[in-house]
Protein backbone atom coordinates (compact mmCIF):
# COMPACT_ATOMS: atom_id res chain seq x y z
CA MET A 1 -31.25 19.61 -9.26
CA SER A 2 -28.13 21.72 -8.59
CA GLY A 3 -28.24 20.82 -4.93
CA LYS A 4 -28.47 17.04 -5.57
CA SER A 5 -25.73 17.37 -8.12
CA GLY A 6 -23.58 19.22 -5.58
CA THR A 7 -24.15 16.50 -2.95
CA GLN A 8 -23.27 13.92 -5.32
CA GLY A 9 -20.13 15.67 -6.52
CA GLY A 10 -18.99 16.13 -2.83
CA ARG A 11 -19.53 12.35 -2.15
CA GLY A 12 -17.62 11.53 -5.28
CA ARG A 13 -14.71 13.73 -4.37
CA LEU A 14 -14.75 12.17 -0.81
CA GLY A 15 -14.86 8.65 -2.27
CA SER A 16 -11.95 9.45 -4.67
CA VAL A 17 -9.86 10.73 -1.69
CA LEU A 18 -10.53 7.77 0.41
CA SER A 19 -9.82 5.38 -2.44
CA GLY A 20 -6.57 7.14 -3.19
CA LEU A 21 -5.76 6.97 0.57
CA ALA A 22 -6.52 3.21 0.65
CA VAL A 23 -4.27 2.59 -2.36
CA ALA A 24 -1.42 4.59 -0.74
CA VAL A 25 -1.69 2.85 2.57
CA GLY A 26 -2.02 -0.46 0.79
CA CYS A 27 1.15 0.21 -1.20
CA LEU A 28 2.96 1.04 2.05
CA LEU A 29 1.88 -2.03 3.86
CA PHE A 30 2.61 -4.32 0.94
CA LEU A 31 6.00 -2.82 0.23
CA GLY A 32 6.91 -2.61 3.86
CA GLY A 33 6.03 -6.35 4.40
CA PHE A 34 7.69 -7.45 1.32
CA VAL A 35 10.95 -5.50 1.90
CA GLY A 36 10.87 -6.50 5.58
CA GLY A 37 10.58 -10.02 4.71
CA ALA A 38 13.43 -9.94 2.17
CA LEU A 39 15.74 -8.29 4.73
CA LEU A 40 14.83 -10.53 7.66
CA TYR A 41 14.25 -13.89 5.96
CA GLN A 42 16.13 -16.11 3.41
CA PRO A 43 14.29 -18.87 1.49
CA TYR A 44 15.65 -22.40 1.24
CA THR A 45 14.60 -25.60 -0.20
CA VAL A 46 14.71 -28.68 2.12
CA PRO A 47 17.33 -30.93 0.50
CA THR A 48 16.69 -34.40 2.15
CA ASP A 49 14.08 -36.16 4.15
CA SER A 50 16.09 -36.08 7.43
CA MET A 51 13.55 -33.62 8.90
CA THR A 52 10.28 -35.37 8.12
CA PRO A 53 7.54 -35.20 9.23
CA THR A 54 8.24 -31.57 10.21
CA LEU A 55 9.79 -30.66 6.97
CA ASP A 56 9.22 -32.74 3.75
CA VAL A 57 11.97 -33.07 1.23
CA GLY A 58 11.62 -30.21 -1.40
CA SER A 59 9.63 -28.05 0.93
CA LYS A 60 10.04 -24.26 0.50
CA ILE A 61 11.00 -22.65 3.96
CA LEU A 62 11.85 -19.32 5.34
CA ALA A 63 14.64 -18.96 7.76
CA GLU A 64 15.07 -15.85 9.80
CA ARG A 65 18.55 -14.43 9.55
CA ILE A 66 19.98 -14.68 12.97
CA ASP A 67 23.39 -14.78 14.76
CA GLY A 68 24.38 -18.25 15.93
CA ASP A 69 24.50 -16.89 19.52
CA GLU A 70 20.63 -16.51 19.50
CA VAL A 71 20.05 -20.23 18.80
CA ARG A 72 18.24 -22.09 21.61
CA ARG A 73 17.38 -25.71 22.21
CA GLY A 74 14.65 -27.05 19.85
CA ASP A 75 15.27 -24.57 17.14
CA VAL A 76 15.36 -25.93 13.51
CA VAL A 77 18.39 -24.28 11.97
CA VAL A 78 19.98 -23.86 8.56
CA PHE A 79 23.68 -24.27 8.85
CA LYS A 80 26.68 -24.72 6.76
CA ASP A 81 29.72 -26.65 8.26
CA PRO A 82 32.65 -27.57 5.79
CA LEU A 83 33.08 -30.85 7.59
CA TRP A 84 29.37 -31.87 6.92
CA GLY A 85 29.42 -30.56 3.24
CA ASP A 86 29.43 -27.49 1.10
CA SER A 87 25.80 -26.91 0.99
CA PRO A 88 23.28 -25.64 3.62
CA MET A 89 21.66 -28.30 5.86
CA VAL A 90 18.66 -28.14 8.02
CA LYS A 91 18.59 -29.89 11.50
CA ARG A 92 17.19 -29.49 14.99
CA VAL A 93 19.18 -28.14 17.80
CA ALA A 94 19.13 -30.94 20.45
CA ALA A 95 21.65 -29.38 22.89
CA VAL A 96 23.82 -26.31 23.28
CA GLY A 97 27.23 -25.65 24.87
CA GLY A 98 27.58 -27.03 28.45
CA ASP A 99 24.75 -29.63 28.02
CA THR A 100 25.15 -33.33 28.40
CA VAL A 101 22.90 -34.90 25.84
CA ALA A 102 22.36 -38.66 25.88
CA CYS A 103 20.05 -41.43 24.60
CA CYS A 104 18.10 -43.10 25.54
CA ASP A 105 16.23 -43.17 28.92
CA PRO A 106 14.16 -46.34 29.76
CA ASP A 107 11.22 -44.73 27.77
CA GLY A 108 13.40 -44.16 24.58
CA ARG A 109 13.62 -40.53 25.17
CA LEU A 110 16.48 -38.10 24.77
CA THR A 111 17.72 -36.52 27.75
CA VAL A 112 19.50 -33.09 28.16
CA GLY A 113 21.16 -32.58 31.48
CA GLY A 114 19.58 -35.75 32.62
CA LYS A 115 15.94 -34.33 31.95
CA PRO A 116 13.89 -36.30 29.48
CA VAL A 117 12.65 -34.30 26.30
CA VAL A 118 9.30 -35.14 24.80
CA GLU A 119 9.45 -34.89 21.02
CA PRO A 120 6.03 -35.43 19.54
CA TYR A 121 7.41 -35.01 16.03
CA LEU A 122 9.22 -38.38 16.13
CA ARG A 123 7.75 -41.21 13.87
CA PRO A 124 7.44 -44.72 15.37
CA GLY A 125 9.95 -47.21 14.18
CA ILE A 126 9.52 -50.85 12.91
CA SER A 127 8.49 -51.95 16.48
CA GLY A 128 5.81 -49.20 16.46
CA ARG A 129 7.64 -47.31 19.27
CA ALA A 130 9.00 -43.70 18.85
CA VAL A 131 12.56 -43.83 20.00
CA ALA A 132 14.85 -40.71 20.00
CA SER A 133 17.67 -42.61 18.61
CA ASP A 134 18.46 -46.25 17.49
CA LYS A 135 22.21 -45.50 18.41
CA GLU A 136 23.09 -44.86 22.10
CA PHE A 137 25.34 -41.90 22.89
CA SER A 138 26.28 -39.46 25.64
CA VAL A 139 27.97 -36.15 24.66
CA THR A 140 29.02 -33.16 26.61
CA VAL A 141 28.68 -30.11 24.13
CA PRO A 142 31.63 -27.84 24.09
CA GLU A 143 30.86 -24.13 24.84
CA GLY A 144 29.96 -22.23 21.58
CA SER A 145 28.77 -25.35 19.89
CA LEU A 146 25.46 -27.16 19.03
CA PHE A 147 24.50 -30.87 18.98
CA LEU A 148 22.16 -31.29 16.05
CA LEU A 149 19.68 -34.16 15.10
CA GLY A 150 17.16 -34.64 12.20
CA ASP A 151 13.58 -35.30 13.15
CA ASP A 152 13.67 -38.50 11.23
CA ARG A 153 15.99 -40.26 13.51
CA HIS A 154 16.04 -43.43 11.29
CA THR A 155 17.45 -41.86 8.16
CA SER A 156 19.13 -38.54 9.28
CA LEU A 157 22.83 -38.21 8.99
CA ASP A 158 23.45 -35.73 11.88
CA SER A 159 25.71 -35.38 14.93
CA ARG A 160 25.38 -39.03 15.68
CA THR A 161 27.21 -39.72 12.39
CA HIS A 162 30.16 -37.57 13.39
CA LEU A 163 30.60 -38.84 17.03
CA GLU A 164 34.08 -40.06 16.46
CA GLU A 165 35.30 -36.63 15.10
CA ALA A 166 36.64 -33.76 16.97
CA GLY A 167 33.85 -32.16 19.03
CA GLN A 168 31.86 -35.42 18.99
CA GLY A 169 29.66 -34.41 16.06
CA THR A 170 29.07 -30.84 17.44
CA VAL A 171 29.13 -27.84 15.16
CA PRO A 172 30.16 -24.16 16.15
CA ARG A 173 27.42 -21.66 16.62
CA SER A 174 29.02 -19.63 13.94
CA THR A 175 27.91 -22.09 11.27
CA VAL A 176 24.21 -21.10 11.71
CA ILE A 177 22.94 -18.99 8.97
CA GLY A 178 19.22 -18.96 9.81
CA ARG A 179 16.54 -20.24 12.08
CA VAL A 180 13.56 -21.85 10.19
CA ASP A 181 10.36 -20.05 11.00
CA ALA A 182 7.78 -21.12 8.47
CA VAL A 183 6.99 -23.50 5.61
CA VAL A 184 5.53 -21.60 2.63
CA TRP A 185 5.24 -24.45 0.20
CA PRO A 186 3.30 -26.55 0.78
CA ALA A 187 1.72 -23.91 2.89
CA LYS A 188 2.04 -24.95 6.64
CA GLY A 189 2.65 -21.70 8.09
CA LEU A 190 4.73 -21.43 11.38
CA LEU A 191 6.59 -24.37 12.79
CA GLU A 192 5.14 -25.77 15.94
CA PRO A 193 7.06 -24.59 18.92
CA PRO A 194 9.33 -27.26 20.44
CA LYS A 195 7.66 -27.49 23.91
CA GLY A 196 9.59 -30.41 24.95
CA TYR A 197 12.54 -28.16 25.47
CA ALA A 198 10.54 -25.32 27.31
CA ASP A 199 11.34 -26.35 30.90
CA LEU A 200 15.11 -26.39 30.16
CA PRO A 201 17.33 -23.43 31.12
CA GLY A 202 16.73 -20.53 28.75
CA GLY A 203 13.39 -21.75 27.39
CA ILE A 204 12.69 -21.89 23.81
CA SER A 205 12.78 -19.14 20.95
CA ARG A 206 9.87 -16.98 20.16
CA PRO A 207 8.75 -16.95 16.48
CA GLY A 208 10.16 -14.18 14.36
CA PRO A 209 7.90 -11.55 12.64
CA PHE A 210 6.74 -13.76 9.90
CA GLU A 211 3.05 -13.45 10.84
CA ALA A 212 3.16 -9.72 11.05
CA LEU A 213 4.98 -9.31 7.70
CA PHE A 214 2.49 -11.74 6.11
CA THR A 215 -0.53 -9.91 7.60
CA ALA A 216 0.91 -6.61 6.31
CA ILE A 217 1.30 -7.88 2.78
CA VAL A 218 -2.08 -9.37 2.70
CA ALA A 219 -3.69 -6.20 4.23
CA GLY A 220 -1.80 -4.10 1.66
CA CYS A 221 -3.23 -6.27 -1.30
CA VAL A 222 -6.78 -5.82 0.05
CA LEU A 223 -6.58 -2.10 0.37
CA ILE A 224 -4.96 -1.79 -3.07
CA LEU A 225 -7.63 -3.66 -4.74
CA ALA A 226 -10.37 -2.04 -2.77
CA GLY A 227 -9.14 1.49 -3.62
CA ALA A 228 -8.55 0.67 -7.24
CA ALA A 229 -12.06 -0.82 -7.67
CA TYR A 230 -13.78 2.17 -6.23
CA GLY A 231 -13.63 4.25 -9.52
CA PRO A 232 -15.24 1.59 -11.73
CA VAL A 233 -17.90 0.70 -9.09
CA ALA A 234 -18.78 4.28 -8.49
CA ARG A 235 -19.22 4.97 -12.24
CA ARG A 236 -21.41 1.94 -12.68
CA LEU A 237 -23.62 2.83 -9.83
CA ALA A 238 -23.92 6.48 -11.09
CA ARG A 239 -25.32 5.12 -14.47
CA ARG A 240 -28.01 3.03 -12.72
CA PRO A 241 -31.50 4.43 -12.76
CA ALA A 242 -32.52 6.14 -9.53
CA GLY A 243 -36.12 4.52 -9.73
CA GLY A 244 -38.73 3.60 -12.21
CA ARG A 245 -38.00 3.00 -16.09
CA PRO A 246 -36.25 5.59 -18.13
CA ALA A 247 -39.18 6.18 -20.27
CA GLU A 248 -41.32 7.08 -17.22
CA ARG A 249 -38.78 9.44 -15.76
CA GLU A 250 -38.53 11.34 -19.21
CA LYS A 251 -42.36 11.63 -19.26
CA VAL A 252 -42.54 13.07 -15.82
CA GLY A 253 -39.68 15.46 -16.48
CA ALA A 254 -41.45 16.64 -19.65
């Protein structure tokens, strides 16, 4: 009897240690992921439908806090330019300083430096054909600036709307306050990489640490719940009969 009791007690102590360790590690992962996300990302609500179908109006997005110098072609950015309004706006970077961006080639595609860009996120127009712009233009982007377009080229008020202004609708890189990494509501996860820009000089941006942080938070929650559940589960199992009915065990013991 005493040997069995000691074995059970040893197992109980080991289980308690492991459950406490699981809770501690879970708390570290959860808090680390949460704090890291708060430091690296800023939440925004998409204000208009100019980025559909990539971003629906009212969607909750997470934008990685980056310097404007890190922005590359194809990035979806949050920026704030006094000439465009006082509130943050969301657009896609079509061209960067030194590029000549034009529309359209014979197939209705945007060209950057003379190279056509495939944009699978564009919606077909009334004609049933997806065209990069219903307004022709050709702009050489000044150094340190960006040419921005919405994904819904039929409704977006973007750089094309400001072509007659200084800089031909471009905005300084310094106006960028974040690069959109993921849509959290409705839950869509990471944005699709803009592969149409991948062959241009400099390539495209890599996703930020959103997935790693999200995984840490989920794993932390699982460990915390598992560790916290150990005690009640262990006590419940300890109260279960080892075998046979209680009355029979009492008779045998007597």
